[in-house]
């Protein structure tokens, strides 16, 4: 089934013609995960997103599927155990998206250093044990000072003690969202973007649907549903407060900033993760990607416009000072920045362990630390079992936050609550945990539907249910993607273009290539670019050039110099396909120009 502007209109109409089992408000990763599981379980499901899918937060992350090693700096072992096991699930259900990319963590002798070499080794061994990769080629390695500098010759040598390498995964956050959304659509979910919920419908003092505005037509629609779930991330409180007299303030948004420079200005052969050197408890990522290098994050409390967080001069100065200190030869300036993004993390108030950089999660007793170290050492020497390590973890003593899972949480740092009026809110959490959070919410939803509405469903086994494009053998991903790439070459794409498509679209690549039979190459675009654009419009509900350049592909972030020549041809092709008037085309061009200015930091330059 296509997923396009046409299906959007049909979905809106169908939502008004029936009573849904579940209406989801919010089309970021949390809502997308709930939609996939609800539709696959047979629920009559609807989803409304105020902006484009993933536009608010889920396209603005560090673009990693973390194992969460940072949480081991206070030995929040339970968080890491949850996260690495869930990361493996995401890699299984979306094998074309997360890719293994070992992280290098240099250790410096300086005040406030997160890890000593000894504590890093203990943390990495425990991490590998929890991730079940010890005694495999993916297991960690401790590096001497000389080995670190051999890998990173431009790294500051003063004070460097050594480092470690451990398994992490890069991610394409916006693609993970759209692939969940597309699978939900294929399974029957009714989905529309650019629809804003403005009020709730009630029946016997219970939320029974919504009043929403179609932002494309300015029409009001009423949609009835047996249950409504709020998965709006930073907007969770705002949506919740539409429905209740008592004001809820559960979310504490923090802003993270990332900056992109050309690889020639800052060369790193693999992801790097280090202390800021400012004794402020934060750590910074420096990551290579598609011929570029990007770095972040700032993680500061935020009270501004939720829809438009901006990169400030203060953000830029902070990150440039840290990176230039660690890589003294780079001497990056504002003019080197090609792209940038700011995103909000919807943290739960008072949940320090969910801080992006690990937070100040308390301390553990020396006795507990020593006992854990001894147990891990014995395990690595085959003198203790995995059960012994798990027992040692369970009996850690100290003031570590999130040690006990909150009763309202379905994963650490998340919250699942139902208000007195029946509205369900799923908030907080991390992108890695999205499937687990959705599963927890679905268990509640199915219980309520059975008890209050006599509707009974069997929950899909989401641990093995692939997202759209994910019908690949996760143990043999590279070979299968190469087969798809060869199909693209047969259709006339270069090997580089074909591999790009295979990695971007996974098992959907043949659908992209099939468009070559019916779509003429657009003026000013290559065949590859034409196919990507038409696939985005016909199968991924891309309604604007910004949707295409920023969230269906990574042109704006990581191929900025190529994008300039594509702006006019893409505008022309979309205008032709959607039959835009001159006024509509001009409005789209202005919207794109504003997005590019924000991306390019024009307001600072």
Protein backbone atom coordinates (compact mmCIF):
# COMPACT_ATOMS: atom_id res chain seq x y z
CA UNK A 1 0.00 0.00 0.00
CA UNK A 2 1.28 3.48 -0.80
CA UNK A 3 1.79 5.97 2.01
CA UNK A 4 1.27 9.36 0.47
CA UNK A 5 -0.73 12.59 0.48
CA UNK A 6 -3.63 10.63 -1.01
CA UNK A 7 -3.61 8.00 1.74
CA UNK A 8 -3.37 10.82 4.29
CA UNK A 9 -6.68 12.25 3.10
CA UNK A 10 -8.30 8.82 3.06
CA UNK A 11 -6.98 8.11 6.56
CA UNK A 12 -8.44 11.35 7.92
CA UNK A 13 -11.81 10.55 6.38
CA UNK A 14 -11.84 6.97 7.67
CA UNK A 15 -10.88 8.13 11.17
CA UNK A 16 -13.98 10.34 11.22
CA UNK A 17 -16.24 7.54 10.00
CA UNK A 18 -15.59 5.07 12.83
CA UNK A 19 -14.68 4.69 16.49
CA UNK A 20 -11.06 3.68 16.75
CA UNK A 21 -9.75 1.29 19.37
CA UNK A 22 -6.71 3.52 19.88
CA UNK A 23 -5.82 7.03 18.79
CA UNK A 24 -2.15 8.00 19.16
CA UNK A 25 -1.22 11.67 19.44
CA UNK A 26 2.39 12.19 18.34
CA UNK A 27 4.41 10.74 15.47
CA UNK A 28 7.91 10.66 16.92
CA UNK A 29 9.66 7.42 17.80
CA UNK A 30 7.42 6.69 20.81
CA UNK A 31 4.15 7.12 18.91
CA UNK A 32 5.55 5.28 15.90
CA UNK A 33 6.49 2.32 18.09
CA UNK A 34 3.02 2.19 19.66
CA UNK A 35 1.36 2.47 16.22
CA UNK A 36 3.36 -0.46 14.85
CA UNK A 37 2.48 -2.76 17.75
CA UNK A 38 -1.18 -1.66 17.89
CA UNK A 39 -1.79 -2.15 14.17
CA UNK A 40 0.09 -5.47 14.11
CA UNK A 41 -2.03 -6.65 17.06
CA UNK A 42 -5.23 -5.95 15.12
CA UNK A 43 -6.42 -2.78 16.86
CA UNK A 44 -8.30 -0.22 14.80
CA UNK A 45 -5.51 2.33 15.14
CA UNK A 46 -5.13 6.00 14.26
CA UNK A 47 -2.13 8.35 14.62
CA UNK A 48 -2.01 12.14 14.33
CA UNK A 49 1.22 14.15 14.14
CA UNK A 50 1.18 17.95 14.44
CA UNK A 51 4.31 18.40 12.28
CA UNK A 52 6.12 15.95 10.04
CA UNK A 53 7.00 12.55 11.46
CA UNK A 54 10.06 12.77 13.76
CA UNK A 55 10.24 16.55 13.28
CA UNK A 56 10.00 17.52 16.93
CA UNK A 57 12.68 15.47 18.69
CA UNK A 58 13.23 12.10 17.06
CA UNK A 59 15.26 13.47 14.13
CA UNK A 60 17.47 15.60 16.40
CA UNK A 61 19.37 13.05 18.49
CA UNK A 62 23.07 12.18 18.49
CA UNK A 63 22.11 9.47 15.96
CA UNK A 64 23.39 6.53 17.98
CA UNK A 65 21.66 3.45 19.37
CA UNK A 66 23.53 3.45 22.64
CA UNK A 67 24.54 0.67 24.90
CA UNK A 68 24.75 3.37 27.55
CA UNK A 69 28.32 2.91 28.76
CA UNK A 70 28.07 6.42 30.20
CA UNK A 71 25.69 5.12 32.88
CA UNK A 72 28.45 2.88 34.20
CA UNK A 73 30.36 5.90 35.41
CA UNK A 74 28.13 5.65 38.50
CA UNK A 75 27.58 1.94 37.87
CA UNK A 76 23.89 2.32 37.04
CA UNK A 77 24.13 -1.27 35.87
CA UNK A 78 20.40 -1.87 35.55
CA UNK A 79 20.12 0.96 33.00
CA UNK A 80 22.92 -0.52 30.89
CA UNK A 81 21.50 -4.04 31.14
CA UNK A 82 18.13 -2.78 29.90
CA UNK A 83 19.67 -0.68 27.15
CA UNK A 84 22.09 -3.22 25.64
CA UNK A 85 19.44 -5.93 25.54
CA UNK A 86 16.99 -3.55 23.87
CA UNK A 87 19.64 -2.36 21.43
CA UNK A 88 20.02 -5.95 20.25
CA UNK A 89 16.26 -6.11 19.67
CA UNK A 90 16.29 -2.90 17.61
CA UNK A 91 19.16 -4.26 15.55
CA UNK A 92 17.11 -7.42 14.90
CA UNK A 93 13.86 -5.70 13.88
CA UNK A 94 15.49 -2.84 11.93
CA UNK A 95 18.76 -4.41 10.76
CA UNK A 96 19.33 -1.90 7.93
CA UNK A 97 19.36 1.06 10.35
CA UNK A 98 21.65 0.53 13.40
CA UNK A 99 25.20 -0.31 12.30
CA UNK A 100 28.02 -1.38 14.65
CA UNK A 101 30.57 1.40 15.04
CA UNK A 102 33.04 0.83 17.92
CA UNK A 103 33.56 3.87 20.14
CA UNK A 104 36.97 5.06 21.35
CA UNK A 105 37.08 6.62 24.80
CA UNK A 106 40.38 8.36 25.66
CA UNK A 107 41.19 8.82 29.36
CA UNK A 108 42.97 11.94 30.61
CA UNK A 109 44.57 12.67 33.95
CA UNK A 110 42.58 15.73 34.91
CA UNK A 111 40.19 16.93 37.57
CA UNK A 112 36.68 15.53 37.21
CA UNK A 113 37.68 12.74 34.84
CA UNK A 114 34.80 10.29 34.41
CA UNK A 115 36.93 7.17 34.14
CA UNK A 116 40.35 6.09 35.30
CA UNK A 117 41.86 3.39 33.08
CA UNK A 118 41.09 0.80 35.76
CA UNK A 119 37.48 1.85 36.20
CA UNK A 120 37.04 2.08 32.41
CA UNK A 121 38.29 -1.49 32.00
CA UNK A 122 35.91 -2.73 34.70
CA UNK A 123 33.03 -0.79 33.13
CA UNK A 124 33.80 -2.09 29.63
CA UNK A 125 34.09 -5.70 30.82
CA UNK A 126 30.78 -5.43 32.60
CA UNK A 127 29.27 -3.71 29.56
CA UNK A 128 30.44 -6.53 27.26
CA UNK A 129 29.06 -9.09 29.67
CA UNK A 130 25.67 -7.38 29.71
CA UNK A 131 25.74 -6.99 25.91
CA UNK A 132 26.79 -10.64 25.53
CA UNK A 133 29.76 -9.76 23.31
CA UNK A 134 32.64 -10.76 25.58
CA UNK A 135 34.98 -13.29 23.93
CA UNK A 136 33.84 -12.11 20.47
CA UNK A 137 35.51 -9.82 17.90
CA UNK A 138 33.25 -7.03 19.22
CA UNK A 139 34.67 -7.23 22.76
CA UNK A 140 36.34 -4.15 24.27
CA UNK A 141 40.05 -3.37 24.16
CA UNK A 142 42.16 -1.26 26.48
CA UNK A 143 44.55 0.97 24.53
CA UNK A 144 47.86 2.37 25.67
CA UNK A 145 48.55 6.07 25.28
CA UNK A 146 50.58 5.30 22.14
CA UNK A 147 47.80 3.16 20.64
CA UNK A 148 45.25 5.92 21.20
CA UNK A 149 47.49 8.46 19.46
CA UNK A 150 48.16 6.02 16.64
CA UNK A 151 44.42 5.88 15.97
CA UNK A 152 43.87 9.58 16.68
CA UNK A 153 47.12 11.35 15.76
CA UNK A 154 45.50 14.81 16.09
CA UNK A 155 44.28 14.19 19.65
CA UNK A 156 45.83 16.30 22.41
CA UNK A 157 48.66 14.18 23.93
CA UNK A 158 49.15 16.18 27.15
CA UNK A 159 47.66 14.33 30.09
CA UNK A 160 46.52 11.38 27.98
CA UNK A 161 46.78 8.11 29.91
CA UNK A 162 45.33 5.69 27.38
CA UNK A 163 41.82 4.65 26.48
CA UNK A 164 39.41 1.93 25.52
CA UNK A 165 37.35 0.78 22.57
CA UNK A 166 33.90 -0.70 23.06
CA UNK A 167 30.89 -1.58 20.91
CA UNK A 168 28.36 1.07 19.99
CA UNK A 169 25.95 1.53 17.08
CA UNK A 170 25.28 4.46 14.81
CA UNK A 171 21.66 5.18 14.00
CA UNK A 172 19.50 7.05 11.51
CA UNK A 173 16.89 8.36 13.92
CA UNK A 174 14.40 9.84 11.44
CA UNK A 175 14.55 6.70 9.27
CA UNK A 176 13.81 4.52 12.30
CA UNK A 177 10.65 6.56 12.89
CA UNK A 178 9.41 6.49 9.30
CA UNK A 179 10.05 2.74 8.97
CA UNK A 180 7.92 2.09 12.08
CA UNK A 181 5.22 4.40 10.72
CA UNK A 182 5.23 2.69 7.30
CA UNK A 183 4.89 -0.75 8.87
CA UNK A 184 1.96 0.45 10.97
CA UNK A 185 0.35 1.87 7.84
CA UNK A 186 0.85 -1.40 5.98
CA UNK A 187 -0.85 -3.22 8.84
CA UNK A 188 -3.88 -0.96 8.62
CA UNK A 189 -3.19 2.01 10.88
CA UNK A 190 -4.74 5.29 9.74
CA UNK A 191 -2.01 7.92 9.87
CA UNK A 192 -1.83 11.65 9.08
CA UNK A 193 0.83 14.26 9.65
CA UNK A 194 0.24 18.02 9.97
CA UNK A 195 -2.87 17.51 12.10
CA UNK A 196 -2.94 19.28 15.48
CA UNK A 197 -5.07 18.09 18.39
CA UNK A 198 -6.79 21.12 19.92
CA UNK A 199 -9.27 19.57 22.34
CA UNK A 200 -10.72 16.28 23.60
CA UNK A 201 -14.13 14.69 23.16
CA UNK A 202 -15.69 13.24 26.30
CA UNK A 203 -18.20 10.55 27.12
CA UNK A 204 -19.22 10.10 30.77
CA UNK A 205 -16.31 12.30 31.84
CA UNK A 206 -13.83 10.06 30.01
CA UNK A 207 -11.70 11.07 27.02
CA UNK A 208 -13.41 9.49 24.00
CA UNK A 209 -11.64 11.15 21.10
CA UNK A 210 -10.25 14.46 19.89
CA UNK A 211 -11.03 17.64 18.06
CA UNK A 212 -8.14 18.26 15.67
CA UNK A 213 -7.22 20.77 12.98
CA UNK A 214 -5.91 19.69 9.60
CA UNK A 215 -3.12 22.23 9.21
CA UNK A 216 -3.06 21.76 5.42
CA UNK A 217 -6.73 22.64 4.91
CA UNK A 218 -7.47 24.47 8.21
CA UNK A 219 -10.50 22.19 8.67
CA UNK A 220 -11.59 20.91 12.08
CA UNK A 221 -12.19 17.18 12.41
CA UNK A 222 -13.64 15.06 15.20
CA UNK A 223 -12.19 11.58 15.74
CA UNK A 224 -13.69 9.14 18.24
CA UNK A 225 -11.64 6.48 20.00
CA UNK A 226 -12.11 4.06 22.86
CA UNK A 227 -8.66 4.99 24.14
CA UNK A 228 -6.34 7.91 23.45
CA UNK A 229 -2.60 7.84 24.18
CA UNK A 230 -0.40 10.93 24.37
CA UNK A 231 3.11 10.25 22.99
CA UNK A 232 4.11 13.82 22.20
CA UNK A 233 7.52 13.96 23.91
CA UNK A 234 8.32 17.56 24.94
CA UNK A 235 4.65 18.47 24.38
CA UNK A 236 3.37 15.75 26.77
CA UNK A 237 2.39 18.21 29.49
CA UNK A 238 0.69 20.60 27.05
CA UNK A 239 -1.47 17.85 25.58
CA UNK A 240 -2.24 16.39 28.98
CA UNK A 241 -3.26 19.78 30.31
CA UNK A 242 -5.86 20.15 27.55
CA UNK A 243 -7.83 17.43 29.29
CA UNK A 244 -7.52 18.16 32.98
CA UNK A 245 -8.28 21.00 35.36
CA UNK A 246 -5.17 20.36 37.46
CA UNK A 247 -1.99 21.41 35.73
CA UNK A 248 0.58 18.66 35.16
CA UNK A 249 4.28 19.55 34.97
CA UNK A 250 6.11 16.26 34.46
CA UNK A 251 8.53 17.06 31.61
CA UNK A 252 11.85 18.88 31.99
CA UNK A 253 13.11 19.47 28.45
CA UNK A 254 16.84 19.79 27.91
CA UNK A 255 18.42 21.02 24.70
CA UNK A 256 21.20 19.17 22.91
CA UNK A 257 23.22 20.73 20.09
CA UNK A 258 25.30 19.10 17.34
CA UNK A 259 27.61 20.76 14.83
CA UNK A 260 28.81 19.34 11.48
CA UNK A 261 32.14 20.13 9.78
CA UNK A 262 33.87 18.63 6.79
CA UNK A 263 36.02 15.60 7.48
CA UNK A 264 39.05 17.48 6.13
CA UNK A 265 38.75 19.95 9.02
CA UNK A 266 38.42 17.33 11.75
CA UNK A 267 39.46 13.79 10.94
CA UNK A 268 38.50 10.94 13.22
CA UNK A 269 38.56 7.36 11.92
CA UNK A 270 35.90 6.17 14.35
CA UNK A 271 33.48 7.59 16.95
CA UNK A 272 35.20 9.20 19.93
CA UNK A 273 33.68 9.99 23.34
CA UNK A 274 35.50 12.08 25.94
CA UNK A 275 35.14 14.31 28.98
CA UNK A 276 34.75 18.00 28.28
CA UNK A 277 37.87 18.73 30.37
CA UNK A 278 35.84 21.41 32.18
CA UNK A 279 34.99 19.28 35.23
CA UNK A 280 31.29 19.86 34.49
CA UNK A 281 30.24 16.19 34.44
CA UNK A 282 29.55 16.16 30.71
CA UNK A 283 30.97 14.10 27.90
CA UNK A 284 31.18 14.93 24.19
CA UNK A 285 30.82 12.76 21.10
CA UNK A 286 32.86 13.31 17.93
CA UNK A 287 31.51 11.13 15.12
CA UNK A 288 32.48 10.53 11.47
CA UNK A 289 29.64 10.18 8.97
CA UNK A 290 29.31 10.38 5.19
CA UNK A 291 32.51 12.37 4.68
CA UNK A 292 31.70 14.72 7.56
CA UNK A 293 32.45 14.90 11.28
CA UNK A 294 29.82 16.02 13.77
CA UNK A 295 30.08 16.62 17.48
CA UNK A 296 27.90 17.37 20.50
CA UNK A 297 26.08 17.61 22.80
CA UNK A 298 25.39 20.54 25.15
CA UNK A 299 22.44 19.23 27.22
CA UNK A 300 21.14 22.38 28.92
CA UNK A 301 17.74 23.04 30.52
CA UNK A 302 15.32 24.61 28.08
CA UNK A 303 12.27 26.82 28.51
CA UNK A 304 11.82 28.24 24.99
CA UNK A 305 9.66 27.42 21.97
CA UNK A 306 9.29 23.63 21.91
CA UNK A 307 8.83 23.55 18.13
CA UNK A 308 11.90 25.63 17.30
CA UNK A 309 14.90 25.13 19.59
CA UNK A 310 17.82 27.12 18.21
CA UNK A 311 21.58 26.76 18.24
CA UNK A 312 22.95 29.80 20.08
CA UNK A 313 26.34 31.47 20.04
CA UNK A 314 26.86 30.15 23.57
CA UNK A 315 26.24 26.57 22.35
CA UNK A 316 28.73 27.00 19.50
CA UNK A 317 31.39 28.59 21.69
CA UNK A 318 31.07 25.81 24.27
CA UNK A 319 31.44 22.96 21.77
CA UNK A 320 34.18 24.59 19.69
CA UNK A 321 36.27 25.32 22.79
CA UNK A 322 36.04 21.69 23.95
CA UNK A 323 36.77 20.14 20.56
CA UNK A 324 39.61 22.57 19.79
CA UNK A 325 41.15 21.75 23.17
CA UNK A 326 41.04 18.00 22.49
CA UNK A 327 42.11 18.43 18.84
CA UNK A 328 44.45 21.46 19.03
CA UNK A 329 45.44 21.41 15.34
CA UNK A 330 41.85 21.72 14.14
CA UNK A 331 41.22 25.27 15.40
CA UNK A 332 37.62 25.12 14.18
CA UNK A 333 35.63 28.33 13.91
CA UNK A 334 32.00 29.21 13.28
CA UNK A 335 32.78 29.47 9.55
CA UNK A 336 33.76 25.78 9.44
CA UNK A 337 30.29 24.67 10.54
CA UNK A 338 28.34 23.39 7.53
CA UNK A 339 25.23 22.19 9.34
CA UNK A 340 23.85 22.18 12.86
CA UNK A 341 20.83 21.01 14.76
CA UNK A 342 19.28 21.54 18.18
CA UNK A 343 16.90 19.02 19.71
CA UNK A 344 14.99 18.60 22.94
CA UNK A 345 15.09 15.57 25.21
CA UNK A 346 11.81 15.10 27.11
CA UNK A 347 13.33 14.17 30.46
CA UNK A 348 11.11 13.46 33.43
CA UNK A 349 11.47 16.01 36.23
CA UNK A 350 13.80 14.80 38.97
CA UNK A 351 15.19 11.89 36.94
CA UNK A 352 18.90 12.65 37.10
CA UNK A 353 20.09 9.32 35.72
CA UNK A 354 18.47 10.04 32.39
CA UNK A 355 20.74 13.03 31.89
CA UNK A 356 22.20 12.71 28.40
CA UNK A 357 25.74 12.60 29.66
CA UNK A 358 25.06 10.25 32.55
CA UNK A 359 24.03 12.79 35.14
CA UNK A 360 25.11 12.92 38.74
CA UNK A 361 23.40 9.71 39.74
CA UNK A 362 24.91 9.36 43.17
CA UNK A 363 27.70 7.18 44.49
CA UNK A 364 28.10 3.53 45.40
CA UNK A 365 29.87 2.24 48.50
CA UNK A 366 33.52 1.21 48.20
CA UNK A 367 32.61 -2.24 49.45
CA UNK A 368 30.00 -2.73 46.72
CA UNK A 369 32.38 -1.44 44.07
CA UNK A 370 35.19 -3.77 45.18
CA UNK A 371 32.84 -6.74 45.32
CA UNK A 372 31.54 -6.04 41.82
CA UNK A 373 35.07 -5.66 40.42
CA UNK A 374 36.15 -8.95 42.01
CA UNK A 375 33.12 -10.79 40.67
CA UNK A 376 33.64 -9.49 37.12
CA UNK A 377 37.32 -10.47 37.26
CA UNK A 378 36.41 -13.96 38.43
CA UNK A 379 33.84 -14.26 35.66
CA UNK A 380 36.39 -13.27 33.02
CA UNK A 381 38.74 -15.87 34.47
CA UNK A 382 35.96 -18.50 34.18
CA UNK A 383 35.82 -18.79 37.97
CA UNK A 384 32.31 -17.30 38.36
CA UNK A 385 29.11 -17.60 36.32
CA UNK A 386 27.00 -14.93 34.66
CA UNK A 387 24.44 -15.55 37.44
CA UNK A 388 27.10 -14.60 40.01
CA UNK A 389 27.69 -11.29 38.24
CA UNK A 390 23.97 -10.61 38.02
CA UNK A 391 23.65 -11.33 41.75
CA UNK A 392 26.48 -8.89 42.50
CA UNK A 393 24.77 -6.25 40.38
CA UNK A 394 21.45 -6.81 42.14
CA UNK A 395 23.02 -6.30 45.57
CA UNK A 396 24.86 -3.07 44.81
CA UNK A 397 24.61 -0.63 47.70
CA UNK A 398 24.53 3.10 47.28
CA UNK A 399 22.38 6.02 46.26
CA UNK A 400 22.26 5.30 42.55
CA UNK A 401 19.18 6.78 40.95
CA UNK A 402 16.86 4.58 38.88
CA UNK A 403 18.06 1.58 40.89
CA UNK A 404 14.42 0.67 41.39
CA UNK A 405 12.10 0.96 38.41
CA UNK A 406 9.31 3.44 39.12
CA UNK A 407 5.90 1.74 39.23
CA UNK A 408 4.66 4.05 36.45
CA UNK A 409 7.62 3.32 34.17
CA UNK A 410 7.91 0.77 31.37
CA UNK A 411 11.61 1.45 30.91
CA UNK A 412 14.08 3.42 32.98
CA UNK A 413 13.59 7.15 32.67
CA UNK A 414 10.08 6.71 31.24
CA UNK A 415 6.59 7.10 32.63
CA UNK A 416 3.28 5.44 31.70
CA UNK A 417 0.26 6.97 33.43
CA UNK A 418 -3.49 7.06 32.98
CA UNK A 419 -5.29 10.16 34.21
CA UNK A 420 -8.67 10.02 35.94
CA UNK A 421 -10.33 11.02 32.66
CA UNK A 422 -8.85 8.01 30.85
CA UNK A 423 -6.11 9.76 28.87
CA UNK A 424 -2.93 7.63 28.75
CA UNK A 425 0.45 9.38 28.60
CA UNK A 426 3.70 7.63 27.70
CA UNK A 427 6.62 10.01 28.29
CA UNK A 428 10.38 10.21 28.77
CA UNK A 429 12.67 7.32 27.96
CA UNK A 430 15.44 6.97 25.40
CA UNK A 431 15.27 6.28 21.68
CA UNK A 432 16.92 2.88 22.23
CA UNK A 433 14.05 1.89 24.53
CA UNK A 434 11.22 2.90 22.20
CA UNK A 435 10.00 -0.65 21.43
CA UNK A 436 10.06 -1.69 25.08
CA UNK A 437 8.15 1.46 26.07
CA UNK A 438 5.57 0.78 23.37
CA UNK A 439 5.17 -2.82 24.53
CA UNK A 440 4.54 -1.70 28.11
CA UNK A 441 1.94 0.80 26.93
CA UNK A 442 0.26 -1.81 24.75
CA UNK A 443 -0.04 -4.23 27.65
CA UNK A 444 -1.94 -1.56 29.58
CA UNK A 445 -4.05 -0.66 26.53
CA UNK A 446 -5.08 -4.25 25.85
CA UNK A 447 -6.03 -4.76 29.51
CA UNK A 448 -8.23 -1.64 29.45
CA UNK A 449 -9.86 -2.51 26.11
CA UNK A 450 -10.76 -5.94 27.46
CA UNK A 451 -11.99 -4.76 30.87
CA UNK A 452 -13.85 -1.61 29.82
CA UNK A 453 -14.88 -2.27 26.21
CA UNK A 454 -14.99 -6.04 25.85
CA UNK A 455 -12.42 -5.86 23.04
CA UNK A 456 -9.81 -8.60 23.14
CA UNK A 457 -6.53 -8.72 21.19
CA UNK A 458 -3.30 -10.68 21.29
CA UNK A 459 -0.20 -8.53 21.46
CA UNK A 460 2.24 -8.97 18.58
CA UNK A 461 5.64 -10.44 19.47
CA UNK A 462 7.40 -7.14 18.80
CA UNK A 463 10.86 -8.48 19.68
CA UNK A 464 10.94 -10.21 16.29
CA UNK A 465 8.43 -8.18 14.23
CA UNK A 466 10.40 -6.19 11.63
CA UNK A 467 9.86 -2.56 10.77
CA UNK A 468 9.32 -1.61 7.14
CA UNK A 469 12.53 -2.31 5.22
CA UNK A 470 13.73 -4.60 7.99
CA UNK A 471 12.95 -7.95 6.41
CA UNK A 472 16.59 -8.97 6.43
CA UNK A 473 18.61 -11.57 8.28
CA UNK A 474 20.21 -9.50 11.05
CA UNK A 475 23.11 -11.98 11.22
CA UNK A 476 23.89 -11.48 7.53
CA UNK A 477 22.88 -7.87 6.88
CA UNK A 478 25.86 -6.70 4.83
CA UNK A 479 25.60 -9.56 2.33
CA UNK A 480 21.86 -9.12 1.91
CA UNK A 481 22.20 -5.37 1.41
CA UNK A 482 24.88 -6.01 -1.22
CA UNK A 483 22.40 -8.21 -3.11
CA UNK A 484 19.92 -5.31 -3.09
CA UNK A 485 22.69 -2.99 -4.26
CA UNK A 486 23.37 -5.24 -7.25
CA UNK A 487 19.69 -4.94 -8.23
CA UNK A 488 20.12 -1.16 -8.27
CA UNK A 489 23.19 -1.41 -10.48
CA UNK A 490 21.13 -3.45 -12.95
CA UNK A 491 18.60 -0.57 -13.01
CA UNK A 492 21.33 1.87 -14.04
CA UNK A 493 22.61 3.22 -10.73
CA UNK A 494 26.30 3.50 -9.98
CA UNK A 495 27.65 1.07 -7.34
CA UNK A 496 27.93 3.97 -4.87
CA UNK A 497 24.33 5.10 -5.51
CA UNK A 498 22.99 1.55 -5.32
CA UNK A 499 24.69 0.88 -1.98
CA UNK A 500 23.36 4.17 -0.65
CA UNK A 501 19.81 3.09 -1.55
CA UNK A 502 20.24 -0.40 -0.14
CA UNK A 503 21.48 0.93 3.19
CA UNK A 504 18.83 3.64 3.37
CA UNK A 505 15.81 1.55 2.41
CA UNK A 506 16.78 -2.01 3.35
CA UNK A 507 14.36 -4.60 1.97
CA UNK A 508 12.28 -1.79 0.43
CA UNK A 509 15.08 -1.04 -2.07
CA UNK A 510 13.37 -3.05 -4.88
CA UNK A 511 10.30 -0.76 -4.53
CA UNK A 512 12.57 2.22 -5.05
CA UNK A 513 14.21 0.66 -8.09
CA UNK A 514 10.83 -0.36 -9.54
CA UNK A 515 9.93 3.32 -9.87
CA UNK A 516 12.50 3.50 -12.67
CA UNK A 517 9.96 1.69 -14.88
CA UNK A 518 7.33 4.43 -14.54
CA UNK A 519 9.08 7.64 -13.43
CA UNK A 520 11.09 9.75 -15.86
CA UNK A 521 14.39 11.13 -14.65
CA UNK A 522 13.70 14.67 -13.43
CA UNK A 523 15.52 17.63 -15.02
CA UNK A 524 18.51 18.57 -12.89
CA UNK A 525 18.41 15.33 -10.87
CA UNK A 526 20.20 12.04 -11.36
CA UNK A 527 18.17 8.86 -11.70
CA UNK A 528 19.16 8.00 -8.12
CA UNK A 529 17.94 11.35 -6.77
CA UNK A 530 14.73 11.11 -8.80
CA UNK A 531 13.94 7.67 -7.42
CA UNK A 532 14.60 8.78 -3.82
CA UNK A 533 12.35 11.81 -4.22
CA UNK A 534 9.45 9.91 -5.77
CA UNK A 535 9.73 7.12 -3.22
CA UNK A 536 9.58 9.73 -0.45
CA UNK A 537 6.44 11.29 -1.93
CA UNK A 538 4.62 8.07 -2.84
CA UNK A 539 5.66 5.74 -0.02
CA UNK A 540 6.83 7.98 2.85
CA UNK A 541 4.34 10.88 2.95
CA UNK A 542 6.99 13.55 2.27
CA UNK A 543 4.87 16.63 1.62
CA UNK A 544 7.56 19.30 1.42
CA UNK A 545 11.18 19.71 0.28
CA UNK A 546 12.22 20.01 3.95
CA UNK A 547 10.67 16.60 4.68
CA UNK A 548 12.74 15.13 1.85
CA UNK A 549 16.07 16.89 2.45
CA UNK A 550 16.09 16.70 6.25
CA UNK A 551 14.12 13.65 7.42
CA UNK A 552 13.67 11.17 4.54
CA UNK A 553 17.33 11.64 3.54
CA UNK A 554 20.35 13.27 5.22
CA UNK A 555 21.11 15.79 2.48
CA UNK A 556 20.71 18.85 4.66
CA UNK A 557 22.82 17.56 7.53
CA UNK A 558 25.60 15.58 5.88
CA UNK A 559 25.53 16.45 2.16
CA UNK A 560 24.97 20.18 2.43
CA UNK A 561 27.27 21.10 -0.47
CA UNK A 562 25.43 18.70 -2.82
CA UNK A 563 22.04 19.95 -1.70
CA UNK A 564 22.46 23.48 -3.04
CA UNK A 565 22.27 22.27 -6.65
CA UNK A 566 19.26 20.09 -5.88
CA UNK A 567 17.00 22.75 -4.37
CA UNK A 568 15.46 24.08 -7.60
CA UNK A 569 15.08 20.68 -9.33
CA UNK A 570 13.45 19.13 -6.24
CA UNK A 571 11.10 22.09 -5.85
CA UNK A 572 10.15 21.84 -9.52
CA UNK A 573 9.59 18.08 -9.41
CA UNK A 574 7.50 18.25 -6.23
CA UNK A 575 5.48 21.17 -7.61
CA UNK A 576 4.77 19.17 -10.74
CA UNK A 577 3.85 15.99 -8.82
CA UNK A 578 1.61 17.76 -6.31
CA UNK A 579 0.25 20.28 -8.84
CA UNK A 580 1.20 23.22 -6.61
CA UNK A 581 0.09 26.71 -7.58
CA UNK A 582 2.77 29.37 -7.92
CA UNK A 583 1.81 30.66 -4.48
CA UNK A 584 2.14 27.19 -2.96
CA UNK A 585 5.49 26.64 -4.65
CA UNK A 586 6.73 30.01 -3.37
CA UNK A 587 5.60 29.15 0.17
CA UNK A 588 7.46 25.82 0.00
CA UNK A 589 10.59 27.57 -1.29
CA UNK A 590 10.41 30.04 1.61
CA UNK A 591 9.92 27.23 4.13
CA UNK A 592 12.97 25.45 2.73
CA UNK A 593 15.05 28.62 2.76
CA UNK A 594 14.23 29.18 6.45
CA UNK A 595 15.19 25.59 7.29
CA UNK A 596 18.48 25.96 5.42
CA UNK A 597 19.26 29.23 7.20
CA UNK A 598 18.66 27.55 10.56
CA UNK A 599 20.75 24.56 9.51
CA UNK A 600 23.56 26.81 8.22
CA UNK A 601 23.53 29.02 11.38
CA UNK A 602 22.95 32.09 9.22
CA UNK A 603 21.66 33.95 12.30
CA UNK A 604 25.12 33.58 13.88
CA UNK A 605 27.28 33.98 10.80
